[in-house]
Amino acid sequence: MVIVIVLNLKTYEQSFSKIIEFANIAREVAAETGVRIIVCPPHTHLREAVSVYEDIFAQHADPNKLGAFTGSMPAQALAQMSIKGSLLNHSEKKLLPEKIGMSIASLKSADLESLVCAESTEEAKKIALFKPDYIAVEPPELIGSGISVSSAKPEIVTNSVREIKAIDKKITVLCGAGVSNADDTKKALALGAEGVLLASAFVRAEDPKKFLRGLAEVF
């Protein structure tokens, strides 16, 4: 089973001022525990992050090729920066269903990984048909709430795992939204998830390394 922690740094102030610190923490904890830790920095700091840690994802990727597409983040551009993959369809950056499929295909063509967020089991089923590498189940109303989906709506996790695996067993299913501590992670794993996606709990932790090590040790 693939074990993974994904840190979505969003665009918090700390995500800019502490990007090297956060990337180094992820590198050190991953080396200590053997858990894969993916970091998703702001786009402006992708090169800085990948200079110290190799497991870096973008927070979004567009299906466009290199060319006349103002404001786009093409998969080919990410590949040129040695980025490993991209987050897609986060509730703060939603995509139309056809754009999700096109973006996944674009990432695959560039030999990059795709991690797609789904706000419900029904959306997760549709996304699974596009064969991404990861699907993170994240009801938007719980994001940043401090209340984990594994506690508030455990059925979404169990149902999504079942439905996604029925379509493609190779897709790794993550639990997101409100993951705040090791107990939330334990509950997510007990419900069938193979990792967690989180943001503010890590970025705003008093001791981010201690916090991240605590999560990794659950695995």
N, C-alpha and C. Protein backbone atom coordinates (compact mmCIF):
# COMPACT_ATOMS: atom_id res chain seq x y z
N MET A 1 0.85 -1.20 0.00
CA MET A 1 0.00 0.00 0.00
C MET A 1 0.89 1.25 0.00
N VAL A 2 0.54 2.21 -0.83
CA VAL A 2 1.25 3.49 -0.86
C VAL A 2 0.83 4.31 0.35
N ILE A 3 1.80 4.83 1.08
CA ILE A 3 1.52 5.68 2.23
C ILE A 3 1.99 7.09 1.89
N VAL A 4 1.13 8.07 2.07
CA VAL A 4 1.51 9.42 1.64
C VAL A 4 0.85 10.49 2.49
N ILE A 5 1.62 11.52 2.78
CA ILE A 5 1.10 12.74 3.40
C ILE A 5 1.31 13.86 2.39
N VAL A 6 0.26 14.62 2.12
CA VAL A 6 0.35 15.73 1.18
C VAL A 6 0.13 17.03 1.95
N LEU A 7 1.08 17.94 1.82
CA LEU A 7 1.01 19.24 2.48
C LEU A 7 0.70 20.31 1.44
N ASN A 8 -0.53 20.79 1.43
CA ASN A 8 -0.93 21.88 0.53
C ASN A 8 -0.66 23.20 1.25
N LEU A 9 0.37 23.91 0.84
CA LEU A 9 0.76 25.13 1.54
C LEU A 9 -0.10 26.34 1.18
N LYS A 10 -0.96 26.18 0.17
CA LYS A 10 -1.85 27.26 -0.27
C LYS A 10 -1.05 28.54 -0.47
N THR A 11 -1.61 29.69 -0.09
CA THR A 11 -0.86 30.94 -0.20
C THR A 11 -0.85 31.67 1.15
N TYR A 12 -0.69 30.89 2.21
CA TYR A 12 -0.53 31.50 3.52
C TYR A 12 0.76 32.32 3.55
N GLU A 13 0.81 33.33 4.40
CA GLU A 13 2.01 34.15 4.51
C GLU A 13 3.23 33.30 4.81
N GLN A 14 3.06 32.32 5.71
CA GLN A 14 4.19 31.45 6.08
C GLN A 14 4.69 30.61 4.90
N SER A 15 3.80 30.34 3.95
CA SER A 15 4.17 29.50 2.81
C SER A 15 5.16 30.20 1.89
N PHE A 16 5.23 31.50 1.98
CA PHE A 16 6.21 32.28 1.22
C PHE A 16 7.47 32.51 2.06
N SER A 17 7.28 32.93 3.29
CA SER A 17 8.43 33.30 4.11
C SER A 17 9.20 32.10 4.66
N LYS A 18 8.54 30.92 4.73
CA LYS A 18 9.18 29.75 5.32
C LYS A 18 9.28 28.58 4.35
N ILE A 19 9.24 28.83 3.05
CA ILE A 19 9.18 27.74 2.09
C ILE A 19 10.39 26.80 2.20
N ILE A 20 11.58 27.35 2.35
CA ILE A 20 12.77 26.49 2.47
C ILE A 20 12.70 25.68 3.76
N GLU A 21 12.28 26.31 4.83
CA GLU A 21 12.13 25.59 6.11
C GLU A 21 11.13 24.45 5.97
N PHE A 22 9.98 24.72 5.37
CA PHE A 22 8.96 23.69 5.22
C PHE A 22 9.44 22.54 4.32
N ALA A 23 10.10 22.88 3.23
CA ALA A 23 10.60 21.84 2.33
C ALA A 23 11.66 20.99 3.01
N ASN A 24 12.53 21.60 3.78
CA ASN A 24 13.55 20.85 4.51
C ASN A 24 12.94 19.96 5.59
N ILE A 25 11.90 20.45 6.25
CA ILE A 25 11.21 19.63 7.25
C ILE A 25 10.62 18.38 6.59
N ALA A 26 9.96 18.57 5.46
CA ALA A 26 9.38 17.43 4.74
C ALA A 26 10.46 16.43 4.34
N ARG A 27 11.56 16.93 3.83
CA ARG A 27 12.67 16.06 3.42
C ARG A 27 13.21 15.26 4.61
N GLU A 28 13.41 15.92 5.73
CA GLU A 28 13.97 15.26 6.90
C GLU A 28 13.02 14.22 7.50
N VAL A 29 11.75 14.57 7.61
CA VAL A 29 10.78 13.64 8.19
C VAL A 29 10.55 12.45 7.25
N ALA A 30 10.51 12.70 5.95
CA ALA A 30 10.37 11.60 4.99
C ALA A 30 11.54 10.63 5.11
N ALA A 31 12.75 11.17 5.25
CA ALA A 31 13.94 10.32 5.37
C ALA A 31 13.93 9.54 6.69
N GLU A 32 13.46 10.17 7.75
CA GLU A 32 13.43 9.53 9.07
C GLU A 32 12.40 8.42 9.16
N THR A 33 11.24 8.62 8.53
CA THR A 33 10.11 7.70 8.73
C THR A 33 9.84 6.78 7.55
N GLY A 34 10.34 7.11 6.36
CA GLY A 34 10.06 6.30 5.19
C GLY A 34 8.69 6.58 4.58
N VAL A 35 7.97 7.56 5.12
CA VAL A 35 6.66 7.93 4.58
C VAL A 35 6.86 8.94 3.45
N ARG A 36 6.15 8.76 2.34
CA ARG A 36 6.24 9.74 1.27
C ARG A 36 5.51 11.01 1.68
N ILE A 37 6.19 12.14 1.59
CA ILE A 37 5.60 13.42 1.95
C ILE A 37 5.71 14.34 0.73
N ILE A 38 4.57 14.75 0.21
CA ILE A 38 4.50 15.63 -0.95
C ILE A 38 4.20 17.04 -0.47
N VAL A 39 4.94 18.01 -0.99
CA VAL A 39 4.72 19.41 -0.63
C VAL A 39 4.22 20.17 -1.85
N CYS A 40 3.14 20.95 -1.66
CA CYS A 40 2.56 21.76 -2.74
C CYS A 40 2.72 23.24 -2.40
N PRO A 41 3.81 23.87 -2.84
CA PRO A 41 4.05 25.28 -2.54
C PRO A 41 3.25 26.20 -3.47
N PRO A 42 3.22 27.50 -3.17
CA PRO A 42 2.67 28.45 -4.13
C PRO A 42 3.49 28.38 -5.42
N HIS A 43 2.86 28.65 -6.55
CA HIS A 43 3.55 28.55 -7.83
C HIS A 43 4.79 29.43 -7.90
N THR A 44 4.74 30.58 -7.24
CA THR A 44 5.88 31.50 -7.27
C THR A 44 7.13 30.93 -6.61
N HIS A 45 6.94 29.88 -5.79
CA HIS A 45 8.06 29.34 -5.02
C HIS A 45 8.37 27.87 -5.36
N LEU A 46 7.88 27.41 -6.50
CA LEU A 46 8.14 26.03 -6.90
C LEU A 46 9.64 25.77 -7.09
N ARG A 47 10.32 26.65 -7.81
CA ARG A 47 11.75 26.45 -8.06
C ARG A 47 12.56 26.47 -6.76
N GLU A 48 12.16 27.36 -5.86
CA GLU A 48 12.87 27.45 -4.59
C GLU A 48 12.69 26.17 -3.78
N ALA A 49 11.48 25.65 -3.75
CA ALA A 49 11.20 24.43 -2.99
C ALA A 49 11.91 23.21 -3.57
N VAL A 50 11.87 23.07 -4.90
CA VAL A 50 12.46 21.90 -5.53
C VAL A 50 13.98 21.93 -5.48
N SER A 51 14.54 23.08 -5.15
CA SER A 51 16.00 23.17 -5.01
C SER A 51 16.51 22.46 -3.77
N VAL A 52 15.61 22.22 -2.79
CA VAL A 52 16.04 21.54 -1.56
C VAL A 52 15.31 20.23 -1.30
N TYR A 53 14.21 19.99 -2.04
CA TYR A 53 13.41 18.76 -1.81
C TYR A 53 12.77 18.33 -3.12
N GLU A 54 12.89 17.06 -3.43
CA GLU A 54 12.47 16.61 -4.76
C GLU A 54 10.99 16.29 -4.90
N ASP A 55 10.28 16.03 -3.80
CA ASP A 55 8.89 15.59 -3.90
C ASP A 55 7.94 16.78 -3.85
N ILE A 56 8.00 17.60 -4.88
CA ILE A 56 7.21 18.83 -4.95
C ILE A 56 6.13 18.72 -6.03
N PHE A 57 4.90 19.08 -5.67
CA PHE A 57 3.77 19.16 -6.59
C PHE A 57 3.35 20.63 -6.72
N ALA A 58 2.79 20.98 -7.87
CA ALA A 58 2.15 22.28 -8.03
C ALA A 58 0.76 22.22 -7.39
N GLN A 59 0.18 23.38 -7.15
CA GLN A 59 -1.17 23.43 -6.59
C GLN A 59 -2.25 23.38 -7.67
N HIS A 60 -1.83 23.50 -8.93
CA HIS A 60 -2.78 23.47 -10.05
C HIS A 60 -1.99 23.31 -11.34
N ALA A 61 -2.60 22.68 -12.32
CA ALA A 61 -1.99 22.60 -13.66
C ALA A 61 -3.11 22.73 -14.70
N ASP A 62 -2.78 23.40 -15.79
CA ASP A 62 -3.74 23.56 -16.88
C ASP A 62 -3.47 22.53 -17.98
N PRO A 63 -4.49 22.20 -18.78
CA PRO A 63 -4.30 21.22 -19.85
C PRO A 63 -3.62 21.78 -21.08
N ASN A 64 -3.34 23.09 -21.08
CA ASN A 64 -2.74 23.72 -22.26
C ASN A 64 -1.29 23.28 -22.45
N LYS A 65 -0.87 23.24 -23.70
CA LYS A 65 0.53 23.00 -24.01
C LYS A 65 1.27 24.33 -23.90
N LEU A 66 2.58 24.29 -24.06
CA LEU A 66 3.35 25.52 -24.08
C LEU A 66 2.92 26.36 -25.29
N GLY A 67 2.71 27.63 -25.09
CA GLY A 67 2.28 28.46 -26.21
C GLY A 67 1.57 29.71 -25.75
N ALA A 68 0.65 30.19 -26.55
CA ALA A 68 -0.04 31.46 -26.29
C ALA A 68 -1.22 31.26 -25.35
N PHE A 69 -0.93 31.01 -24.09
CA PHE A 69 -1.97 30.77 -23.09
C PHE A 69 -1.64 31.57 -21.84
N THR A 70 -1.93 32.85 -21.89
CA THR A 70 -1.58 33.76 -20.80
C THR A 70 -2.14 33.28 -19.46
N GLY A 71 -1.28 33.27 -18.45
CA GLY A 71 -1.71 32.91 -17.10
C GLY A 71 -1.82 31.43 -16.84
N SER A 72 -1.50 30.59 -17.82
CA SER A 72 -1.63 29.14 -17.65
C SER A 72 -0.42 28.54 -16.96
N MET A 73 -0.61 27.37 -16.37
CA MET A 73 0.47 26.58 -15.79
C MET A 73 0.47 25.22 -16.49
N PRO A 74 1.13 25.11 -17.65
CA PRO A 74 1.14 23.86 -18.41
C PRO A 74 1.95 22.77 -17.71
N ALA A 75 1.55 21.53 -17.90
CA ALA A 75 2.28 20.40 -17.32
C ALA A 75 3.72 20.36 -17.82
N GLN A 76 3.92 20.71 -19.08
CA GLN A 76 5.27 20.69 -19.64
C GLN A 76 6.19 21.67 -18.93
N ALA A 77 5.65 22.80 -18.51
CA ALA A 77 6.44 23.78 -17.77
C ALA A 77 6.83 23.22 -16.41
N LEU A 78 5.91 22.50 -15.77
CA LEU A 78 6.21 21.88 -14.48
C LEU A 78 7.31 20.83 -14.63
N ALA A 79 7.21 20.07 -15.69
CA ALA A 79 8.23 19.03 -15.94
C ALA A 79 9.61 19.65 -16.13
N GLN A 80 9.66 20.78 -16.80
CA GLN A 80 10.93 21.45 -17.03
C GLN A 80 11.56 21.94 -15.73
N MET A 81 10.74 22.15 -14.69
CA MET A 81 11.23 22.58 -13.39
C MET A 81 11.52 21.41 -12.45
N SER A 82 11.36 20.17 -12.98
CA SER A 82 11.56 18.95 -12.18
C SER A 82 10.52 18.78 -11.08
N ILE A 83 9.31 19.33 -11.31
CA ILE A 83 8.19 19.13 -10.40
C ILE A 83 7.63 17.73 -10.65
N LYS A 84 7.18 17.05 -9.58
CA LYS A 84 6.75 15.66 -9.71
C LYS A 84 5.30 15.50 -10.19
N GLY A 85 4.47 16.51 -9.93
CA GLY A 85 3.06 16.37 -10.30
C GLY A 85 2.28 17.60 -9.90
N SER A 86 0.96 17.44 -9.84
CA SER A 86 0.13 18.60 -9.48
C SER A 86 -1.15 18.18 -8.78
N LEU A 87 -1.57 19.05 -7.87
CA LEU A 87 -2.89 19.00 -7.29
C LEU A 87 -3.86 19.54 -8.32
N LEU A 88 -5.07 19.01 -8.36
CA LEU A 88 -6.10 19.48 -9.29
C LEU A 88 -7.46 19.53 -8.58
N ASN A 89 -8.31 20.46 -8.99
CA ASN A 89 -9.71 20.49 -8.59
C ASN A 89 -9.93 20.70 -7.10
N HIS A 90 -9.00 21.38 -6.44
CA HIS A 90 -9.25 21.73 -5.04
C HIS A 90 -10.49 22.60 -4.98
N SER A 91 -11.20 22.59 -3.87
CA SER A 91 -12.45 23.35 -3.77
C SER A 91 -12.22 24.84 -3.96
N GLU A 92 -10.97 25.29 -3.74
CA GLU A 92 -10.64 26.69 -3.96
C GLU A 92 -10.16 26.97 -5.39
N LYS A 93 -10.11 25.90 -6.20
CA LYS A 93 -9.66 26.02 -7.59
C LYS A 93 -10.38 24.95 -8.43
N LYS A 94 -11.72 25.01 -8.42
CA LYS A 94 -12.52 23.97 -9.06
C LYS A 94 -12.38 24.00 -10.59
N LEU A 95 -12.50 22.82 -11.17
CA LEU A 95 -12.44 22.66 -12.61
C LEU A 95 -13.71 22.01 -13.13
N LEU A 96 -14.08 22.32 -14.37
CA LEU A 96 -15.16 21.60 -15.01
C LEU A 96 -14.73 20.15 -15.22
N PRO A 97 -15.67 19.20 -15.20
CA PRO A 97 -15.29 17.79 -15.34
C PRO A 97 -14.41 17.49 -16.54
N GLU A 98 -14.72 18.09 -17.68
CA GLU A 98 -13.91 17.81 -18.87
C GLU A 98 -12.50 18.37 -18.72
N LYS A 99 -12.36 19.48 -17.98
CA LYS A 99 -11.04 20.06 -17.74
C LYS A 99 -10.22 19.16 -16.81
N ILE A 100 -10.89 18.49 -15.88
CA ILE A 100 -10.19 17.56 -15.00
C ILE A 100 -9.55 16.45 -15.83
N GLY A 101 -10.34 15.86 -16.70
CA GLY A 101 -9.82 14.78 -17.54
C GLY A 101 -8.69 15.24 -18.44
N MET A 102 -8.83 16.43 -19.02
CA MET A 102 -7.80 16.96 -19.90
C MET A 102 -6.51 17.28 -19.12
N SER A 103 -6.66 17.80 -17.90
CA SER A 103 -5.48 18.14 -17.09
C SER A 103 -4.75 16.88 -16.65
N ILE A 104 -5.49 15.84 -16.27
CA ILE A 104 -4.87 14.56 -15.90
C ILE A 104 -4.10 14.00 -17.09
N ALA A 105 -4.73 14.03 -18.26
CA ALA A 105 -4.07 13.52 -19.47
C ALA A 105 -2.82 14.33 -19.79
N SER A 106 -2.89 15.63 -19.60
CA SER A 106 -1.74 16.48 -19.87
C SER A 106 -0.58 16.16 -18.92
N LEU A 107 -0.89 15.95 -17.66
CA LEU A 107 0.13 15.58 -16.69
C LEU A 107 0.75 14.23 -17.05
N LYS A 108 -0.08 13.28 -17.42
CA LYS A 108 0.44 11.96 -17.81
C LYS A 108 1.36 12.06 -19.01
N SER A 109 1.01 12.89 -19.97
CA SER A 109 1.83 13.03 -21.18
C SER A 109 3.20 13.61 -20.86
N ALA A 110 3.29 14.34 -19.74
CA ALA A 110 4.56 14.93 -19.31
C ALA A 110 5.24 14.06 -18.26
N ASP A 111 4.71 12.84 -18.05
CA ASP A 111 5.24 11.90 -17.04
C ASP A 111 5.18 12.48 -15.64
N LEU A 112 4.10 13.20 -15.36
CA LEU A 112 3.87 13.75 -14.03
C LEU A 112 2.68 13.08 -13.37
N GLU A 113 2.63 13.13 -12.05
CA GLU A 113 1.55 12.52 -11.29
C GLU A 113 0.40 13.51 -11.09
N SER A 114 -0.79 12.96 -10.86
CA SER A 114 -1.97 13.79 -10.65
C SER A 114 -2.65 13.43 -9.34
N LEU A 115 -2.99 14.46 -8.58
CA LEU A 115 -3.70 14.29 -7.31
C LEU A 115 -4.95 15.16 -7.39
N VAL A 116 -6.10 14.53 -7.48
CA VAL A 116 -7.35 15.25 -7.75
C VAL A 116 -8.26 15.24 -6.52
N CYS A 117 -8.77 16.40 -6.15
CA CYS A 117 -9.67 16.50 -5.01
C CYS A 117 -11.11 16.23 -5.46
N ALA A 118 -11.87 15.59 -4.57
CA ALA A 118 -13.29 15.32 -4.82
C ALA A 118 -14.08 15.70 -3.58
N GLU A 119 -15.17 16.43 -3.78
CA GLU A 119 -15.93 16.89 -2.63
C GLU A 119 -16.99 15.89 -2.17
N SER A 120 -17.20 14.83 -2.93
CA SER A 120 -18.22 13.83 -2.58
C SER A 120 -17.86 12.49 -3.22
N THR A 121 -18.55 11.45 -2.78
CA THR A 121 -18.33 10.13 -3.37
C THR A 121 -18.71 10.13 -4.84
N GLU A 122 -19.79 10.81 -5.19
CA GLU A 122 -20.22 10.85 -6.59
C GLU A 122 -19.17 11.52 -7.47
N GLU A 123 -18.60 12.61 -7.00
CA GLU A 123 -17.56 13.28 -7.78
C GLU A 123 -16.32 12.39 -7.86
N ALA A 124 -16.00 11.71 -6.76
CA ALA A 124 -14.83 10.83 -6.75
C ALA A 124 -14.97 9.72 -7.79
N LYS A 125 -16.17 9.16 -7.93
CA LYS A 125 -16.41 8.11 -8.92
C LYS A 125 -16.16 8.62 -10.34
N LYS A 126 -16.63 9.82 -10.62
CA LYS A 126 -16.45 10.40 -11.97
C LYS A 126 -14.96 10.65 -12.24
N ILE A 127 -14.27 11.16 -11.23
CA ILE A 127 -12.85 11.45 -11.39
C ILE A 127 -12.06 10.16 -11.59
N ALA A 128 -12.44 9.11 -10.90
CA ALA A 128 -11.73 7.83 -11.00
C ALA A 128 -11.70 7.30 -12.42
N LEU A 129 -12.70 7.63 -13.21
CA LEU A 129 -12.75 7.17 -14.60
C LEU A 129 -11.62 7.76 -15.44
N PHE A 130 -11.04 8.88 -14.97
CA PHE A 130 -9.93 9.51 -15.69
C PHE A 130 -8.57 8.93 -15.27
N LYS A 131 -8.58 8.00 -14.29
CA LYS A 131 -7.37 7.29 -13.86
C LYS A 131 -6.26 8.20 -13.33
N PRO A 132 -6.57 9.07 -12.37
CA PRO A 132 -5.48 9.85 -11.76
C PRO A 132 -4.67 8.94 -10.84
N ASP A 133 -3.54 9.43 -10.36
CA ASP A 133 -2.73 8.64 -9.43
C ASP A 133 -3.33 8.66 -8.03
N TYR A 134 -3.88 9.81 -7.64
CA TYR A 134 -4.46 9.98 -6.31
C TYR A 134 -5.79 10.70 -6.40
N ILE A 135 -6.69 10.35 -5.49
CA ILE A 135 -7.91 11.12 -5.28
C ILE A 135 -8.01 11.43 -3.79
N ALA A 136 -8.18 12.70 -3.47
CA ALA A 136 -8.34 13.13 -2.08
C ALA A 136 -9.79 13.52 -1.84
N VAL A 137 -10.43 12.87 -0.89
CA VAL A 137 -11.83 13.13 -0.58
C VAL A 137 -11.89 14.30 0.41
N GLU A 138 -12.52 15.42 -0.02
CA GLU A 138 -12.51 16.65 0.77
C GLU A 138 -13.84 17.39 0.70
N PRO A 139 -14.79 17.12 1.58
CA PRO A 139 -16.00 17.94 1.62
C PRO A 139 -15.61 19.39 1.90
N PRO A 140 -15.95 20.34 1.03
CA PRO A 140 -15.45 21.71 1.17
C PRO A 140 -15.85 22.40 2.46
N GLU A 141 -16.99 22.04 3.02
CA GLU A 141 -17.45 22.73 4.23
C GLU A 141 -16.58 22.40 5.45
N LEU A 142 -15.76 21.35 5.35
CA LEU A 142 -14.90 20.98 6.47
C LEU A 142 -13.47 21.46 6.33
N ILE A 143 -13.12 21.97 5.15
CA ILE A 143 -11.74 22.44 4.93
C ILE A 143 -11.44 23.62 5.84
N GLY A 144 -10.37 23.51 6.61
CA GLY A 144 -9.96 24.58 7.51
C GLY A 144 -10.81 24.70 8.76
N SER A 145 -11.74 23.75 8.94
CA SER A 145 -12.65 23.82 10.08
C SER A 145 -12.05 23.26 11.36
N GLY A 146 -11.02 22.44 11.23
CA GLY A 146 -10.49 21.74 12.39
C GLY A 146 -11.30 20.50 12.73
N ILE A 147 -12.34 20.24 11.95
CA ILE A 147 -13.16 19.03 12.14
C ILE A 147 -12.90 18.10 10.97
N SER A 148 -12.31 16.97 11.24
CA SER A 148 -11.91 16.06 10.17
C SER A 148 -13.11 15.35 9.55
N VAL A 149 -13.04 15.15 8.24
CA VAL A 149 -14.08 14.38 7.56
C VAL A 149 -14.16 12.96 8.12
N SER A 150 -13.03 12.43 8.59
CA SER A 150 -13.02 11.07 9.14
C SER A 150 -13.84 10.97 10.42
N SER A 151 -14.05 12.12 11.08
CA SER A 151 -14.87 12.14 12.29
C SER A 151 -16.30 12.61 11.99
N ALA A 152 -16.43 13.66 11.19
CA ALA A 152 -17.74 14.26 10.93
C ALA A 152 -18.57 13.46 9.93
N LYS A 153 -17.89 12.96 8.86
CA LYS A 153 -18.60 12.26 7.80
C LYS A 153 -17.81 11.02 7.36
N PRO A 154 -17.63 10.07 8.28
CA PRO A 154 -16.81 8.90 7.95
C PRO A 154 -17.33 8.09 6.77
N GLU A 155 -18.64 8.14 6.55
CA GLU A 155 -19.21 7.37 5.44
C GLU A 155 -18.71 7.86 4.09
N ILE A 156 -18.37 9.15 3.99
CA ILE A 156 -17.85 9.68 2.72
C ILE A 156 -16.51 9.02 2.41
N VAL A 157 -15.70 8.82 3.43
CA VAL A 157 -14.40 8.18 3.22
C VAL A 157 -14.57 6.72 2.84
N THR A 158 -15.33 5.97 3.61
CA THR A 158 -15.49 4.53 3.33
C THR A 158 -16.18 4.30 1.99
N ASN A 159 -17.21 5.07 1.70
CA ASN A 159 -17.92 4.90 0.43
C ASN A 159 -17.03 5.27 -0.76
N SER A 160 -16.26 6.34 -0.60
CA SER A 160 -15.38 6.77 -1.69
C SER A 160 -14.28 5.75 -1.95
N VAL A 161 -13.69 5.23 -0.89
CA VAL A 161 -12.66 4.19 -1.06
C VAL A 161 -13.23 3.01 -1.82
N ARG A 162 -14.40 2.55 -1.41
CA ARG A 162 -15.04 1.40 -2.07
C ARG A 162 -15.32 1.66 -3.54
N GLU A 163 -15.90 2.81 -3.84
CA GLU A 163 -16.29 3.11 -5.22
C GLU A 163 -15.07 3.36 -6.11
N ILE A 164 -14.07 4.06 -5.58
CA ILE A 164 -12.86 4.34 -6.37
C ILE A 164 -12.12 3.04 -6.68
N LYS A 165 -11.95 2.19 -5.68
CA LYS A 165 -11.20 0.94 -5.86
C LYS A 165 -11.94 -0.01 -6.80
N ALA A 166 -13.27 0.10 -6.83
CA ALA A 166 -14.06 -0.74 -7.75
C ALA A 166 -13.78 -0.34 -9.20
N ILE A 167 -13.43 0.92 -9.40
CA ILE A 167 -13.12 1.40 -10.75
C ILE A 167 -11.66 1.14 -11.11
N ASP A 168 -10.76 1.42 -10.17
CA ASP A 168 -9.33 1.23 -10.42
C ASP A 168 -8.60 1.07 -9.08
N LYS A 169 -8.15 -0.13 -8.81
CA LYS A 169 -7.47 -0.42 -7.54
C LYS A 169 -6.14 0.30 -7.40
N LYS A 170 -5.59 0.77 -8.52
CA LYS A 170 -4.29 1.42 -8.48
C LYS A 170 -4.35 2.86 -7.96
N ILE A 171 -5.55 3.45 -7.94
CA ILE A 171 -5.69 4.82 -7.46
C ILE A 171 -5.54 4.85 -5.94
N THR A 172 -4.66 5.70 -5.46
CA THR A 172 -4.46 5.87 -4.03
C THR A 172 -5.47 6.89 -3.51
N VAL A 173 -6.20 6.51 -2.45
CA VAL A 173 -7.26 7.37 -1.92
C VAL A 173 -6.77 8.04 -0.63
N LEU A 174 -6.88 9.36 -0.62
CA LEU A 174 -6.46 10.16 0.53
C LEU A 174 -7.67 10.79 1.21
N CYS A 175 -7.49 11.11 2.47
CA CYS A 175 -8.53 11.79 3.23
C CYS A 175 -8.08 13.22 3.50
N GLY A 176 -8.89 14.19 3.10
CA GLY A 176 -8.57 15.58 3.35
C GLY A 176 -9.69 16.25 4.12
N ALA A 177 -9.60 17.56 4.29
CA ALA A 177 -10.61 18.38 4.95
C ALA A 177 -10.59 18.20 6.46
N GLY A 178 -10.00 19.17 7.13
CA GLY A 178 -10.04 19.20 8.58
C GLY A 178 -9.06 18.28 9.29
N VAL A 179 -8.16 17.63 8.56
CA VAL A 179 -7.16 16.78 9.21
C VAL A 179 -6.24 17.68 10.03
N SER A 180 -6.24 17.47 11.35
CA SER A 180 -5.53 18.40 12.23
C SER A 180 -4.51 17.76 13.15
N ASN A 181 -4.53 16.42 13.27
CA ASN A 181 -3.63 15.79 14.22
C ASN A 181 -3.47 14.30 13.90
N ALA A 182 -2.68 13.61 14.72
CA ALA A 182 -2.42 12.19 14.50
C ALA A 182 -3.69 11.35 14.66
N ASP A 183 -4.57 11.74 15.56
CA ASP A 183 -5.81 10.98 15.76
C ASP A 183 -6.68 11.02 14.50
N ASP A 184 -6.75 12.19 13.86
CA ASP A 184 -7.50 12.29 12.61
C ASP A 184 -6.91 11.36 11.56
N THR A 185 -5.59 11.28 11.53
CA THR A 185 -4.90 10.42 10.56
C THR A 185 -5.20 8.96 10.84
N LYS A 186 -5.17 8.57 12.10
CA LYS A 186 -5.48 7.18 12.48
C LYS A 186 -6.88 6.81 12.04
N LYS A 187 -7.84 7.72 12.28
CA LYS A 187 -9.23 7.45 11.89
C LYS A 187 -9.35 7.31 10.38
N ALA A 188 -8.64 8.16 9.65
CA ALA A 188 -8.69 8.10 8.18
C ALA A 188 -8.18 6.76 7.68
N LEU A 189 -7.08 6.29 8.25
CA LEU A 189 -6.52 5.00 7.83
C LEU A 189 -7.46 3.86 8.19
N ALA A 190 -8.09 3.94 9.36
CA ALA A 190 -9.03 2.90 9.78
C ALA A 190 -10.23 2.81 8.84
N LEU A 191 -10.57 3.93 8.20
CA LEU A 191 -11.71 3.97 7.28
C LEU A 191 -11.32 3.54 5.86
N GLY A 192 -10.03 3.23 5.66
CA GLY A 192 -9.59 2.72 4.36
C GLY A 192 -8.74 3.67 3.55
N ALA A 193 -8.55 4.91 4.02
CA ALA A 193 -7.70 5.86 3.30
C ALA A 193 -6.25 5.40 3.37
N GLU A 194 -5.46 5.84 2.40
CA GLU A 194 -4.05 5.45 2.33
C GLU A 194 -3.11 6.62 2.57
N GLY A 195 -3.66 7.69 3.09
CA GLY A 195 -2.88 8.87 3.39
C GLY A 195 -3.80 10.04 3.65
N VAL A 196 -3.18 11.21 3.89
CA VAL A 196 -3.96 12.39 4.21
C VAL A 196 -3.45 13.60 3.43
N LEU A 197 -4.35 14.54 3.21
CA LEU A 197 -4.04 15.83 2.59
C LEU A 197 -4.42 16.90 3.59
N LEU A 198 -3.50 17.80 3.91
CA LEU A 198 -3.79 18.83 4.88
C LEU A 198 -3.07 20.12 4.53
N ALA A 199 -3.44 21.18 5.22
CA ALA A 199 -2.87 22.50 4.90
C ALA A 199 -2.54 23.27 6.18
N SER A 200 -3.54 23.98 6.71
CA SER A 200 -3.29 24.94 7.79
C SER A 200 -2.73 24.31 9.06
N ALA A 201 -3.11 23.07 9.36
CA ALA A 201 -2.62 22.44 10.60
C ALA A 201 -1.10 22.34 10.60
N PHE A 202 -0.51 22.11 9.42
CA PHE A 202 0.95 22.07 9.32
C PHE A 202 1.53 23.47 9.24
N VAL A 203 1.01 24.28 8.35
CA VAL A 203 1.58 25.61 8.10
C VAL A 203 1.57 26.45 9.37
N ARG A 204 0.52 26.33 10.17
CA ARG A 204 0.37 27.18 11.36
C ARG A 204 0.80 26.51 12.66
N ALA A 205 1.36 25.31 12.56
CA ALA A 205 1.79 24.60 13.77
C ALA A 205 2.92 25.36 14.46
N GLU A 206 2.93 25.34 15.80
CA GLU A 206 4.00 25.99 16.54
C GLU A 206 5.35 25.34 16.24
N ASP A 207 5.33 24.03 16.09
CA ASP A 207 6.55 23.28 15.75
C ASP A 207 6.20 22.37 14.58
N PRO A 208 6.31 22.87 13.34
CA PRO A 208 5.90 22.09 12.17
C PRO A 208 6.59 20.74 12.04
N LYS A 209 7.86 20.65 12.39
CA LYS A 209 8.57 19.37 12.27
C LYS A 209 8.03 18.35 13.25
N LYS A 210 7.82 18.77 14.49
CA LYS A 210 7.25 17.86 15.49
C LYS A 210 5.86 17.41 15.08
N PHE A 211 5.09 18.36 14.56
CA PHE A 211 3.73 18.03 14.10
C PHE A 211 3.76 17.01 12.98
N LEU A 212 4.60 17.24 11.98
CA LEU A 212 4.66 16.36 10.82
C LEU A 212 5.20 14.99 11.21
N ARG A 213 6.20 14.93 12.07
CA ARG A 213 6.72 13.64 12.52
C ARG A 213 5.64 12.85 13.24
N GLY A 214 4.81 13.55 14.03
CA GLY A 214 3.70 12.88 14.74
C GLY A 214 2.72 12.24 13.78
N LEU A 215 2.43 12.94 12.66
CA LEU A 215 1.54 12.36 11.65
C LEU A 215 2.19 11.16 10.99
N ALA A 216 3.45 11.30 10.60
CA ALA A 216 4.15 10.23 9.88
C ALA A 216 4.29 8.98 10.73
N GLU A 217 4.47 9.15 12.01
CA GLU A 217 4.66 7.99 12.88
C GLU A 217 3.40 7.15 13.03
N VAL A 218 2.25 7.73 12.68
CA VAL A 218 1.00 6.96 12.70
C VAL A 218 1.06 5.81 11.72
N PHE A 219 1.76 6.02 10.59
CA PHE A 219 1.83 5.00 9.56
C PHE A 219 2.75 3.87 9.95
